[in-house]
Structure formats: structure tokens, C-alpha cells
PDB file of N, CA and C in Angstrom:
ATOM      1  N   MET A   1     -78.558  85.733  12.977  1.00  0.00           N
ATOM      2  CA  MET A   1     -79.232  84.448  12.929  1.00  0.00           C
ATOM      3  C   MET A   1     -78.269  83.333  12.537  1.00  0.00           C
ATOM      4  N   THR A   2     -77.303  83.639  11.714  1.00  0.00           N
ATOM      5  CA  THR A   2     -76.332  82.634  11.293  1.00  0.00           C
ATOM      6  C   THR A   2     -75.506  82.154  12.476  1.00  0.00           C
ATOM      7  N   GLN A   3     -75.159  83.051  13.381  1.00  0.00           N
ATOM      8  CA  GLN A   3     -74.372  82.673  14.551  1.00  0.00           C
ATOM      9  C   GLN A   3     -75.162  81.721  15.448  1.00  0.00           C
ATOM     10  N   VAL A   4     -76.461  81.949  15.558  1.00  0.00           N
ATOM     11  CA  VAL A   4     -77.307  81.073  16.369  1.00  0.00           C
ATOM     12  C   VAL A   4     -77.338  79.678  15.756  1.00  0.00           C
ATOM     13  N   ALA A   5     -77.471  79.593  14.446  1.00  0.00           N
ATOM     14  CA  ALA A   5     -77.496  78.298  13.770  1.00  0.00           C
ATOM     15  C   ALA A   5     -76.158  77.574  13.917  1.00  0.00           C
ATOM     16  N   LEU A   6     -75.061  78.299  13.814  1.00  0.00           N
ATOM     17  CA  LEU A   6     -73.748  77.691  13.999  1.00  0.00           C
ATOM     18  C   LEU A   6     -73.571  77.183  15.430  1.00  0.00           C
ATOM     19  N   ALA A   7     -73.998  77.975  16.387  1.00  0.00           N
ATOM     20  CA  ALA A   7     -73.889  77.557  17.791  1.00  0.00           C
ATOM     21  C   ALA A   7     -74.765  76.325  18.042  1.00  0.00           C
ATOM     22  N   TYR A   8     -75.953  76.323  17.502  1.00  0.00           N
ATOM     23  CA  TYR A   8     -76.862  75.195  17.650  1.00  0.00           C
ATOM     24  C   TYR A   8     -76.257  73.934  17.034  1.00  0.00           C
ATOM     25  N   GLY A   9     -75.693  74.076  15.851  1.00  0.00           N
ATOM     26  CA  GLY A   9     -75.044  72.939  15.193  1.00  0.00           C
ATOM     27  C   GLY A   9     -73.842  72.443  15.968  1.00  0.00           C
ATOM     28  N   PHE A  10     -73.060  73.368  16.510  1.00  0.00           N
ATOM     29  CA  PHE A  10     -71.896  72.984  17.295  1.00  0.00           C
ATOM     30  C   PHE A  10     -72.309  72.208  18.539  1.00  0.00           C
ATOM     31  N   ILE A  11     -73.346  72.662  19.210  1.00  0.00           N
ATOM     32  CA  ILE A  11     -73.828  71.968  20.412  1.00  0.00           C
ATOM     33  C   ILE A  11     -74.262  70.552  20.059  1.00  0.00           C
ATOM     34  N   TRP A  12     -74.991  70.390  18.955  1.00  0.00           N
ATOM     35  CA  TRP A  12     -75.438  69.043  18.566  1.00  0.00           C
ATOM     36  C   TRP A  12     -74.261  68.151  18.205  1.00  0.00           C
ATOM     37  N   LEU A  13     -73.265  68.702  17.538  1.00  0.00           N
ATOM     38  CA  LEU A  13     -72.062  67.918  17.232  1.00  0.00           C
ATOM     39  C   LEU A  13     -71.354  67.487  18.510  1.00  0.00           C
ATOM     40  N   ALA A  14     -71.282  68.390  19.474  1.00  0.00           N
ATOM     41  CA  ALA A  14     -70.653  68.062  20.751  1.00  0.00           C
ATOM     42  C   ALA A  14     -71.430  66.967  21.476  1.00  0.00           C
ATOM     43  N   VAL A  15     -72.754  67.053  21.460  1.00  0.00           N
ATOM     44  CA  VAL A  15     -73.585  66.038  22.116  1.00  0.00           C
ATOM     45  C   VAL A  15     -73.398  64.683  21.442  1.00  0.00           C
ATOM     46  N   PHE A  16     -73.455  64.644  20.126  1.00  0.00           N
ATOM     47  CA  PHE A  16     -73.282  63.382  19.415  1.00  0.00           C
ATOM     48  C   PHE A  16     -71.878  62.807  19.625  1.00  0.00           C
ATOM     49  N   GLY A  17     -70.879  63.669  19.634  1.00  0.00           N
ATOM     50  CA  GLY A  17     -69.518  63.204  19.896  1.00  0.00           C
ATOM     51  C   GLY A  17     -69.387  62.607  21.286  1.00  0.00           C
ATOM     52  N   TYR A  18     -69.990  63.256  22.259  1.00  0.00           N
ATOM     53  CA  TYR A  18     -69.947  62.754  23.628  1.00  0.00           C
ATOM     54  C   TYR A  18     -70.653  61.399  23.725  1.00  0.00           C
ATOM     55  N   VAL A  19     -71.819  61.275  23.130  1.00  0.00           N
ATOM     56  CA  VAL A  19     -72.555  60.014  23.153  1.00  0.00           C
ATOM     57  C   VAL A  19     -71.751  58.916  22.463  1.00  0.00           C
ATOM     58  N   PHE A  20     -71.106  59.246  21.370  1.00  0.00           N
ATOM     59  CA  PHE A  20     -70.279  58.273  20.656  1.00  0.00           C
ATOM     60  C   PHE A  20     -69.126  57.786  21.526  1.00  0.00           C
ATOM     61  N   LEU A  21     -68.437  58.718  22.183  1.00  0.00           N
ATOM     62  CA  LEU A  21     -67.310  58.336  23.035  1.00  0.00           C
ATOM     63  C   LEU A  21     -67.766  57.512  24.234  1.00  0.00           C
ATOM     64  N   VAL A  22     -68.865  57.878  24.832  1.00  0.00           N
ATOM     65  CA  VAL A  22     -69.383  57.108  25.962  1.00  0.00           C
ATOM     66  C   VAL A  22     -69.773  55.705  25.507  1.00  0.00           C
ATOM     67  N   GLY A  23     -70.356  55.596  24.328  1.00  0.00           N
ATOM     68  CA  GLY A  23     -70.713  54.291  23.785  1.00  0.00           C
ATOM     69  C   GLY A  23     -69.492  53.410  23.564  1.00  0.00           C
ATOM     70  N   ARG A  24     -68.417  53.995  23.063  1.00  0.00           N
ATOM     71  CA  ARG A  24     -67.182  53.224  22.861  1.00  0.00           C
ATOM     72  C   ARG A  24     -66.609  52.743  24.182  1.00  0.00           C
ATOM     73  N   ARG A  25     -66.609  53.636  25.172  1.00  0.00           N
ATOM     74  CA  ARG A  25     -66.092  53.255  26.483  1.00  0.00           C
ATOM     75  C   ARG A  25     -66.951  52.169  27.110  1.00  0.00           C
ATOM     76  N   LEU A  26     -68.250  52.272  26.924  1.00  0.00           N
ATOM     77  CA  LEU A  26     -69.152  51.259  27.465  1.00  0.00           C
ATOM     78  C   LEU A  26     -68.912  49.913  26.796  1.00  0.00           C
ATOM     79  N   ALA A  27     -68.683  49.901  25.500  1.00  0.00           N
ATOM     80  CA  ALA A  27     -68.395  48.656  24.793  1.00  0.00           C
ATOM     81  C   ALA A  27     -67.087  48.046  25.294  1.00  0.00           C
ATOM     82  N   ARG A  28     -66.088  48.875  25.526  1.00  0.00           N
ATOM     83  CA  ARG A  28     -64.812  48.378  26.041  1.00  0.00           C
ATOM     84  C   ARG A  28     -64.981  47.801  27.449  1.00  0.00           C
ATOM     85  N   LEU A  29     -65.759  48.475  28.275  1.00  0.00           N
ATOM     86  CA  LEU A  29     -66.026  47.984  29.626  1.00  0.00           C
ATOM     87  C   LEU A  29     -66.779  46.659  29.584  1.00  0.00           C
ATOM     88  N   GLN A  30     -67.741  46.544  28.689  1.00  0.00           N
ATOM     89  CA  GLN A  30     -68.496  45.293  28.557  1.00  0.00           C
ATOM     90  C   GLN A  30     -67.578  44.154  28.133  1.00  0.00           C
ATOM     91  N   ALA A  31     -66.652  44.423  27.232  1.00  0.00           N
ATOM     92  CA  ALA A  31     -65.697  43.396  26.808  1.00  0.00           C
ATOM     93  C   ALA A  31     -64.812  42.963  27.971  1.00  0.00           C
ATOM     94  N   GLU A  32     -64.376  43.917  28.789  1.00  0.00           N
ATOM     95  CA  GLU A  32     -63.563  43.571  29.950  1.00  0.00           C
ATOM     96  C   GLU A  32     -64.359  42.740  30.952  1.00  0.00           C
ATOM     97  N   LEU A  33     -65.613  43.069  31.162  1.00  0.00           N
ATOM     98  CA  LEU A  33     -66.453  42.297  32.069  1.00  0.00           C
ATOM     99  C   LEU A  33     -66.669  40.881  31.551  1.00  0.00           C
ATOM    100  N   ASP A  34     -66.875  40.740  30.256  1.00  0.00           N
ATOM    101  CA  ASP A  34     -67.036  39.403  29.672  1.00  0.00           C
ATOM    102  C   ASP A  34     -65.768  38.579  29.861  1.00  0.00           C
ATOM    103  N   ASP A  35     -64.611  39.203  29.658  1.00  0.00           N
ATOM    104  CA  ASP A  35     -63.340  38.509  29.852  1.00  0.00           C
ATOM    105  C   ASP A  35     -63.184  38.084  31.307  1.00  0.00           C
ATOM    106  N   LEU A  36     -63.525  38.952  32.220  1.00  0.00           N
ATOM    107  CA  LEU A  36     -63.434  38.632  33.644  1.00  0.00           C
ATOM    108  C   LEU A  36     -64.362  37.473  34.007  1.00  0.00           C
ATOM    109  N   ARG A  37     -65.569  37.486  33.454  1.00  0.00           N
ATOM    110  CA  ARG A  37     -66.501  36.381  33.716  1.00  0.00           C
ATOM    111  C   ARG A  37     -65.936  35.060  33.213  1.00  0.00           C
ATOM    112  N   ARG A  38     -65.329  35.070  32.033  1.00  0.00           N
ATOM    113  CA  ARG A  38     -64.729  33.850  31.487  1.00  0.00           C
ATOM    114  C   ARG A  38     -63.589  33.351  32.371  1.00  0.00           C
ATOM    115  N   ARG A  39     -62.759  34.263  32.842  1.00  0.00           N
ATOM    116  CA  ARG A  39     -61.651  33.881  33.721  1.00  0.00           C
ATOM    117  C   ARG A  39     -62.168  33.278  35.029  1.00  0.00           C
ATOM    118  N   ILE A  40     -63.214  33.843  35.583  1.00  0.00           N
ATOM    119  CA  ILE A  40     -63.782  33.340  36.819  1.00  0.00           C
ATOM    120  C   ILE A  40     -64.362  31.952  36.598  1.00  0.00           C
ATOM    121  N   GLU A  41     -65.063  31.762  35.483  1.00  0.00           N
ATOM    122  CA  GLU A  41     -65.655  30.457  35.184  1.00  0.00           C
ATOM    123  C   GLU A  41     -64.582  29.396  35.011  1.00  0.00           C
ATOM    124  N   ARG A  42     -63.441  29.741  34.421  1.00  0.00           N
ATOM    125  CA  ARG A  42     -62.369  28.781  34.208  1.00  0.00           C
ATOM    126  C   ARG A  42     -61.731  28.341  35.524  1.00  0.00           C
ATOM    127  N   GLN A  43     -61.754  29.201  36.526  1.00  0.00           N
ATOM    128  CA  GLN A  43     -61.099  28.883  37.780  1.00  0.00           C
ATOM    129  C   GLN A  43     -62.001  28.141  38.760  1.00  0.00           C
ATOM    130  N   LYS A  44     -63.265  28.008  38.440  1.00  0.00           N
ATOM    131  CA  LYS A  44     -64.161  27.260  39.332  1.00  0.00           C
ATOM    132  C   LYS A  44     -63.814  25.774  39.252  1.00  0.00           C
ATOM    133  N   PRO A  45     -63.817  25.097  40.414  1.00  0.00           N
ATOM    134  CA  PRO A  45     -63.487  23.650  40.401  1.00  0.00           C
ATOM    135  C   PRO A  45     -64.574  22.800  39.786  1.00  0.00           C
TER     136      PRO A  45
END
């Protein structure tokens, strides 16, 4: 039973880690998109 609990805990840690990393990447992508929008707005006549 202990092995099942350890495996279950490991899976949840992996899921949370994955969600955390995806969230960071999404935040970085959003920042790049905001920067691109600002650059485009500056170049409009």
C-alpha cells in the first residue's frame, strides 16, 4: 500500500510541475505578444 501512495504522490507532483511549467511558458509568451503589439502600434503612421 505504501508503494501505491508513493506512486500516487509522484504522479500528482509531476502533474503540478507540468502545470507550473506550462503556466510560466504561457506568461512568457503573453509578454512577448504584448511587446509585439506595442512595436506594431509604434510603427503605425
